[in-house]
PDB file of N, CA and C in Angstrom:
ATOM      1  N   UNK A   1     285.912 298.841 334.285  1.00  0.00           N
ATOM      2  CA  UNK A   1     285.727 299.875 333.331  1.00  0.00           C
ATOM      3  C   UNK A   1     286.703 299.688 332.099  1.00  0.00           C
ATOM      4  N   UNK A   2     286.177 299.830 330.986  1.00  0.00           N
ATOM      5  CA  UNK A   2     286.992 299.625 329.725  1.00  0.00           C
ATOM      6  C   UNK A   2     288.109 300.655 329.701  1.00  0.00           C
ATOM      7  N   UNK A   3     289.214 300.247 329.074  1.00  0.00           N
ATOM      8  CA  UNK A   3     290.348 301.207 328.992  1.00  0.00           C
ATOM      9  C   UNK A   3     289.941 302.280 328.009  1.00  0.00           C
ATOM     10  N   UNK A   4     290.712 303.373 328.028  1.00  0.00           N
ATOM     11  CA  UNK A   4     290.451 304.550 327.274  1.00  0.00           C
ATOM     12  C   UNK A   4     290.696 304.162 325.828  1.00  0.00           C
ATOM     13  N   UNK A   5     291.695 303.340 325.446  1.00  0.00           N
ATOM     14  CA  UNK A   5     291.939 302.942 324.084  1.00  0.00           C
ATOM     15  C   UNK A   5     290.722 302.046 323.552  1.00  0.00           C
ATOM     16  N   UNK A   6     290.180 301.219 324.411  1.00  0.00           N
ATOM     17  CA  UNK A   6     289.044 300.475 323.909  1.00  0.00           C
ATOM     18  C   UNK A   6     287.768 301.334 323.705  1.00  0.00           C
ATOM     19  N   UNK A   7     287.582 302.334 324.588  1.00  0.00           N
ATOM     20  CA  UNK A   7     286.554 303.299 324.390  1.00  0.00           C
ATOM     21  C   UNK A   7     286.698 304.084 323.104  1.00  0.00           C
ATOM     22  N   UNK A   8     287.887 304.542 322.908  1.00  0.00           N
ATOM     23  CA  UNK A   8     288.140 305.328 321.626  1.00  0.00           C
ATOM     24  C   UNK A   8     287.893 304.430 320.430  1.00  0.00           C
ATOM     25  N   UNK A   9     288.344 303.220 320.421  1.00  0.00           N
ATOM     26  CA  UNK A   9     288.137 302.317 319.316  1.00  0.00           C
ATOM     27  C   UNK A   9     286.619 301.990 319.080  1.00  0.00           C
ATOM     28  N   UNK A  10     285.826 301.890 320.195  1.00  0.00           N
ATOM     29  CA  UNK A  10     284.453 301.698 320.050  1.00  0.00           C
ATOM     30  C   UNK A  10     283.760 302.972 319.395  1.00  0.00           C
ATOM     31  N   UNK A  11     284.209 304.115 319.753  1.00  0.00           N
ATOM     32  CA  UNK A  11     283.701 305.351 319.170  1.00  0.00           C
ATOM     33  C   UNK A  11     284.023 305.411 317.693  1.00  0.00           C
ATOM     34  N   UNK A  12     285.241 305.079 317.369  1.00  0.00           N
ATOM     35  CA  UNK A  12     285.732 305.104 315.966  1.00  0.00           C
ATOM     36  C   UNK A  12     284.883 304.127 315.153  1.00  0.00           C
ATOM     37  N   UNK A  13     284.626 302.943 315.702  1.00  0.00           N
ATOM     38  CA  UNK A  13     283.832 301.947 314.966  1.00  0.00           C
ATOM     39  C   UNK A  13     282.408 302.439 314.822  1.00  0.00           C
ATOM     40  N   UNK A  14     281.793 303.056 315.846  1.00  0.00           N
ATOM     41  CA  UNK A  14     280.483 303.633 315.692  1.00  0.00           C
ATOM     42  C   UNK A  14     280.372 304.704 314.670  1.00  0.00           C
ATOM     43  N   UNK A  15     281.371 305.561 314.707  1.00  0.00           N
ATOM     44  CA  UNK A  15     281.367 306.708 313.683  1.00  0.00           C
ATOM     45  C   UNK A  15     281.569 306.062 312.294  1.00  0.00           C
ATOM     46  N   UNK A  16     282.436 305.153 312.172  1.00  0.00           N
ATOM     47  CA  UNK A  16     282.712 304.526 310.877  1.00  0.00           C
ATOM     48  C   UNK A  16     281.451 303.888 310.301  1.00  0.00           C
ATOM     49  N   UNK A  17     280.704 303.224 311.113  1.00  0.00           N
ATOM     50  CA  UNK A  17     279.469 302.653 310.653  1.00  0.00           C
ATOM     51  C   UNK A  17     278.524 303.737 310.137  1.00  0.00           C
ATOM     52  N   UNK A  18     278.349 304.783 310.841  1.00  0.00           N
ATOM     53  CA  UNK A  18     277.513 305.887 310.462  1.00  0.00           C
ATOM     54  C   UNK A  18     277.987 306.532 309.118  1.00  0.00           C
ATOM     55  N   UNK A  19     279.268 306.742 309.048  1.00  0.00           N
ATOM     56  CA  UNK A  19     279.826 307.399 307.864  1.00  0.00           C
ATOM     57  C   UNK A  19     279.780 306.503 306.652  1.00  0.00           C
ATOM     58  N   UNK A  20     279.837 305.240 306.810  1.00  0.00           N
ATOM     59  CA  UNK A  20     279.808 304.315 305.685  1.00  0.00           C
ATOM     60  C   UNK A  20     278.431 303.859 305.298  1.00  0.00           C
ATOM     61  N   UNK A  21     277.425 304.366 306.025  1.00  0.00           N
ATOM     62  CA  UNK A  21     276.091 304.042 305.688  1.00  0.00           C
ATOM     63  C   UNK A  21     275.709 304.537 304.372  1.00  0.00           C
ATOM     64  N   UNK A  22     274.674 303.963 303.785  1.00  0.00           N
ATOM     65  CA  UNK A  22     274.205 304.392 302.455  1.00  0.00           C
ATOM     66  C   UNK A  22     273.843 305.854 302.386  1.00  0.00           C
ATOM     67  N   UNK A  23     273.112 306.295 303.407  1.00  0.00           N
ATOM     68  CA  UNK A  23     272.771 307.681 303.432  1.00  0.00           C
ATOM     69  C   UNK A  23     273.578 308.429 304.546  1.00  0.00           C
ATOM     70  N   UNK A  24     274.228 309.398 304.137  1.00  0.00           N
ATOM     71  CA  UNK A  24     275.088 310.199 305.001  1.00  0.00           C
ATOM     72  C   UNK A  24     274.249 311.145 305.866  1.00  0.00           C
ATOM     73  N   UNK A  25     273.022 311.387 305.515  1.00  0.00           N
ATOM     74  CA  UNK A  25     272.150 312.324 306.259  1.00  0.00           C
ATOM     75  C   UNK A  25     271.449 311.550 307.298  1.00  0.00           C
ATOM     76  N   UNK A  26     271.668 311.904 308.614  1.00  0.00           N
ATOM     77  CA  UNK A  26     271.038 311.284 309.750  1.00  0.00           C
ATOM     78  C   UNK A  26     269.689 311.955 310.028  1.00  0.00           C
ATOM     79  N   UNK A  27     268.729 311.178 310.422  1.00  0.00           N
ATOM     80  CA  UNK A  27     267.517 311.786 311.002  1.00  0.00           C
ATOM     81  C   UNK A  27     267.830 312.551 312.209  1.00  0.00           C
ATOM     82  N   UNK A  28     267.016 313.477 312.574  1.00  0.00           N
ATOM     83  CA  UNK A  28     267.211 314.300 313.782  1.00  0.00           C
ATOM     84  C   UNK A  28     267.437 313.424 315.063  1.00  0.00           C
ATOM     85  N   UNK A  29     266.522 312.430 315.217  1.00  0.00           N
ATOM     86  CA  UNK A  29     266.694 311.612 316.475  1.00  0.00           C
ATOM     87  C   UNK A  29     268.022 310.794 316.403  1.00  0.00           C
ATOM     88  N   UNK A  30     268.404 310.392 315.241  1.00  0.00           N
ATOM     89  CA  UNK A  30     269.771 309.720 315.144  1.00  0.00           C
ATOM     90  C   UNK A  30     270.906 310.645 315.436  1.00  0.00           C
ATOM     91  N   UNK A  31     270.804 311.856 314.986  1.00  0.00           N
ATOM     92  CA  UNK A  31     271.805 312.812 315.304  1.00  0.00           C
ATOM     93  C   UNK A  31     271.859 313.047 316.772  1.00  0.00           C
ATOM     94  N   UNK A  32     270.701 313.188 317.415  1.00  0.00           N
ATOM     95  CA  UNK A  32     270.641 313.452 318.836  1.00  0.00           C
ATOM     96  C   UNK A  32     271.372 312.236 319.562  1.00  0.00           C
ATOM     97  N   UNK A  33     271.035 311.079 319.151  1.00  0.00           N
ATOM     98  CA  UNK A  33     271.648 309.884 319.745  1.00  0.00           C
ATOM     99  C   UNK A  33     273.103 309.838 319.631  1.00  0.00           C
ATOM    100  N   UNK A  34     273.596 310.210 318.411  1.00  0.00           N
ATOM    101  CA  UNK A  34     274.995 310.208 318.155  1.00  0.00           C
ATOM    102  C   UNK A  34     275.712 311.300 318.963  1.00  0.00           C
ATOM    103  N   UNK A  35     275.127 312.485 319.076  1.00  0.00           N
ATOM    104  CA  UNK A  35     275.669 313.526 319.925  1.00  0.00           C
ATOM    105  C   UNK A  35     275.739 313.122 321.357  1.00  0.00           C
ATOM    106  N   UNK A  36     274.690 312.485 321.797  1.00  0.00           N
ATOM    107  CA  UNK A  36     274.667 312.070 323.268  1.00  0.00           C
ATOM    108  C   UNK A  36     275.733 311.014 323.558  1.00  0.00           C
ATOM    109  N   UNK A  37     275.850 310.020 322.572  1.00  0.00           N
ATOM    110  CA  UNK A  37     276.897 308.952 322.743  1.00  0.00           C
ATOM    111  C   UNK A  37     278.269 309.565 322.739  1.00  0.00           C
ATOM    112  N   UNK A  38     278.526 310.397 321.862  1.00  0.00           N
ATOM    113  CA  UNK A  38     279.887 310.958 321.693  1.00  0.00           C
ATOM    114  C   UNK A  38     280.182 311.874 322.914  1.00  0.00           C
ATOM    115  N   UNK A  39     279.213 312.709 323.334  1.00  0.00           N
ATOM    116  CA  UNK A  39     279.391 313.611 324.461  1.00  0.00           C
ATOM    117  C   UNK A  39     279.624 312.781 325.752  1.00  0.00           C
ATOM    118  N   UNK A  40     278.901 311.674 325.858  1.00  0.00           N
ATOM    119  CA  UNK A  40     279.016 310.836 327.086  1.00  0.00           C
ATOM    120  C   UNK A  40     280.447 310.192 327.126  1.00  0.00           C
ATOM    121  N   UNK A  41     281.059 309.989 325.993  1.00  0.00           N
ATOM    122  CA  UNK A  41     282.383 309.447 325.948  1.00  0.00           C
ATOM    123  C   UNK A  41     283.453 310.508 326.008  1.00  0.00           C
ATOM    124  N   UNK A  42     282.989 311.751 326.192  1.00  0.00           N
ATOM    125  CA  UNK A  42     283.965 312.864 326.428  1.00  0.00           C
ATOM    126  C   UNK A  42     284.541 313.525 325.198  1.00  0.00           C
ATOM    127  N   UNK A  43     283.869 313.256 324.021  1.00  0.00           N
ATOM    128  CA  UNK A  43     284.306 313.890 322.746  1.00  0.00           C
ATOM    129  C   UNK A  43     283.903 315.310 322.859  1.00  0.00           C
ATOM    130  N   UNK A  44     284.721 316.227 322.439  1.00  0.00           N
ATOM    131  CA  UNK A  44     284.386 317.656 322.415  1.00  0.00           C
ATOM    132  C   UNK A  44     283.404 318.065 321.411  1.00  0.00           C
ATOM    133  N   UNK A  45     282.671 319.137 321.626  1.00  0.00           N
ATOM    134  CA  UNK A  45     281.694 319.551 320.630  1.00  0.00           C
ATOM    135  C   UNK A  45     282.334 319.950 319.316  1.00  0.00           C
ATOM    136  N   UNK A  46     283.605 320.431 319.367  1.00  0.00           N
ATOM    137  CA  UNK A  46     284.319 320.714 318.154  1.00  0.00           C
ATOM    138  C   UNK A  46     284.565 319.449 317.312  1.00  0.00           C
ATOM    139  N   UNK A  47     284.824 318.373 317.939  1.00  0.00           N
ATOM    140  CA  UNK A  47     284.971 317.109 317.218  1.00  0.00           C
ATOM    141  C   UNK A  47     283.673 316.497 316.800  1.00  0.00           C
ATOM    142  N   UNK A  48     282.647 316.652 317.582  1.00  0.00           N
ATOM    143  CA  UNK A  48     281.272 316.063 317.244  1.00  0.00           C
ATOM    144  C   UNK A  48     280.699 316.740 316.090  1.00  0.00           C
ATOM    145  N   UNK A  49     280.792 318.037 315.993  1.00  0.00           N
ATOM    146  CA  UNK A  49     280.088 318.866 315.044  1.00  0.00           C
ATOM    147  C   UNK A  49     280.224 318.334 313.566  1.00  0.00           C
ATOM    148  N   UNK A  50     281.395 318.120 313.059  1.00  0.00           N
ATOM    149  CA  UNK A  50     281.483 317.648 311.661  1.00  0.00           C
ATOM    150  C   UNK A  50     280.937 316.213 311.465  1.00  0.00           C
ATOM    151  N   UNK A  51     280.988 315.433 312.546  1.00  0.00           N
ATOM    152  CA  UNK A  51     280.454 314.124 312.375  1.00  0.00           C
ATOM    153  C   UNK A  51     278.957 314.078 312.218  1.00  0.00           C
ATOM    154  N   UNK A  52     278.272 314.957 312.918  1.00  0.00           N
ATOM    155  CA  UNK A  52     276.796 314.948 312.721  1.00  0.00           C
ATOM    156  C   UNK A  52     276.260 316.107 311.849  1.00  0.00           C
ATOM    157  N   UNK A  53     277.265 316.805 311.249  1.00  0.00           N
ATOM    158  CA  UNK A  53     276.865 317.718 310.162  1.00  0.00           C
ATOM    159  C   UNK A  53     276.453 319.139 310.722  1.00  0.00           C
ATOM    160  N   UNK A  54     276.926 319.525 311.897  1.00  0.00           N
ATOM    161  CA  UNK A  54     276.595 320.808 312.388  1.00  0.00           C
ATOM    162  C   UNK A  54     277.705 321.802 312.008  1.00  0.00           C
ATOM    163  N   UNK A  55     277.244 322.810 311.250  1.00  0.00           N
ATOM    164  CA  UNK A  55     278.262 323.837 310.795  1.00  0.00           C
ATOM    165  C   UNK A  55     278.190 325.035 311.687  1.00  0.00           C
ATOM    166  N   UNK A  56     279.211 325.886 311.521  1.00  0.00           N
ATOM    167  CA  UNK A  56     279.257 327.096 312.299  1.00  0.00           C
ATOM    168  C   UNK A  56     280.528 326.991 313.183  1.00  0.00           C
ATOM    169  N   UNK A  57     280.712 328.061 314.006  1.00  0.00           N
ATOM    170  CA  UNK A  57     281.917 328.037 314.816  1.00  0.00           C
ATOM    171  C   UNK A  57     281.562 328.445 316.285  1.00  0.00           C
ATOM    172  N   UNK A  58     282.416 328.026 317.161  1.00  0.00           N
ATOM    173  CA  UNK A  58     282.330 328.469 318.568  1.00  0.00           C
ATOM    174  C   UNK A  58     281.031 328.272 319.260  1.00  0.00           C
ATOM    175  N   UNK A  59     280.486 329.402 319.725  1.00  0.00           N
ATOM    176  CA  UNK A  59     279.299 329.378 320.595  1.00  0.00           C
ATOM    177  C   UNK A  59     278.097 328.842 319.911  1.00  0.00           C
ATOM    178  N   UNK A  60     277.890 329.296 318.689  1.00  0.00           N
ATOM    179  CA  UNK A  60     276.717 328.853 317.930  1.00  0.00           C
ATOM    180  C   UNK A  60     276.675 327.279 317.709  1.00  0.00           C
ATOM    181  N   UNK A  61     277.720 326.739 317.287  1.00  0.00           N
ATOM    182  CA  UNK A  61     277.850 325.301 317.150  1.00  0.00           C
ATOM    183  C   UNK A  61     277.683 324.631 318.477  1.00  0.00           C
ATOM    184  N   UNK A  62     278.328 325.066 319.535  1.00  0.00           N
ATOM    185  CA  UNK A  62     278.245 324.539 320.829  1.00  0.00           C
ATOM    186  C   UNK A  62     276.799 324.511 321.297  1.00  0.00           C
ATOM    187  N   UNK A  63     276.095 325.622 321.184  1.00  0.00           N
ATOM    188  CA  UNK A  63     274.725 325.813 321.545  1.00  0.00           C
ATOM    189  C   UNK A  63     273.780 324.814 320.838  1.00  0.00           C
ATOM    190  N   UNK A  64     274.025 324.629 319.527  1.00  0.00           N
ATOM    191  CA  UNK A  64     273.156 323.687 318.720  1.00  0.00           C
ATOM    192  C   UNK A  64     273.425 322.262 319.240  1.00  0.00           C
ATOM    193  N   UNK A  65     274.587 321.913 319.502  1.00  0.00           N
ATOM    194  CA  UNK A  65     274.847 320.559 319.995  1.00  0.00           C
ATOM    195  C   UNK A  65     274.269 320.348 321.393  1.00  0.00           C
ATOM    196  N   UNK A  66     274.472 321.352 322.235  1.00  0.00           N
ATOM    197  CA  UNK A  66     273.940 321.216 323.623  1.00  0.00           C
ATOM    198  C   UNK A  66     272.388 321.060 323.588  1.00  0.00           C
ATOM    199  N   UNK A  67     271.706 321.743 322.662  1.00  0.00           N
ATOM    200  CA  UNK A  67     270.277 321.679 322.535  1.00  0.00           C
ATOM    201  C   UNK A  67     269.892 320.176 322.285  1.00  0.00           C
ATOM    202  N   UNK A  68     270.627 319.399 321.605  1.00  0.00           N
ATOM    203  CA  UNK A  68     270.364 318.056 321.343  1.00  0.00           C
ATOM    204  C   UNK A  68     270.519 317.213 322.546  1.00  0.00           C
ATOM    205  N   UNK A  69     271.263 317.633 323.512  1.00  0.00           N
ATOM    206  CA  UNK A  69     271.537 316.842 324.698  1.00  0.00           C
ATOM    207  C   UNK A  69     270.412 317.081 325.769  1.00  0.00           C
ATOM    208  N   UNK A  70     269.515 318.008 325.575  1.00  0.00           N
ATOM    209  CA  UNK A  70     268.464 318.341 326.500  1.00  0.00           C
ATOM    210  C   UNK A  70     267.257 317.501 326.222  1.00  0.00           C
TER     211      UNK A  70
END
């Protein structure tokens, strides 16, 4: 299994690619994929939300992100 540092670096690189893309707006299916990938890596919903453009706080944000994982 890859070390935690290498997993974090891979996530950073994936996020960097998305954020540097020509269009900052992700399609719904791309957002779902990004949420799943980050959640699978153990990234918190608080950290995921701004990456995929989910606004709000606490329960509402958490609920929207979890809906994408279903």
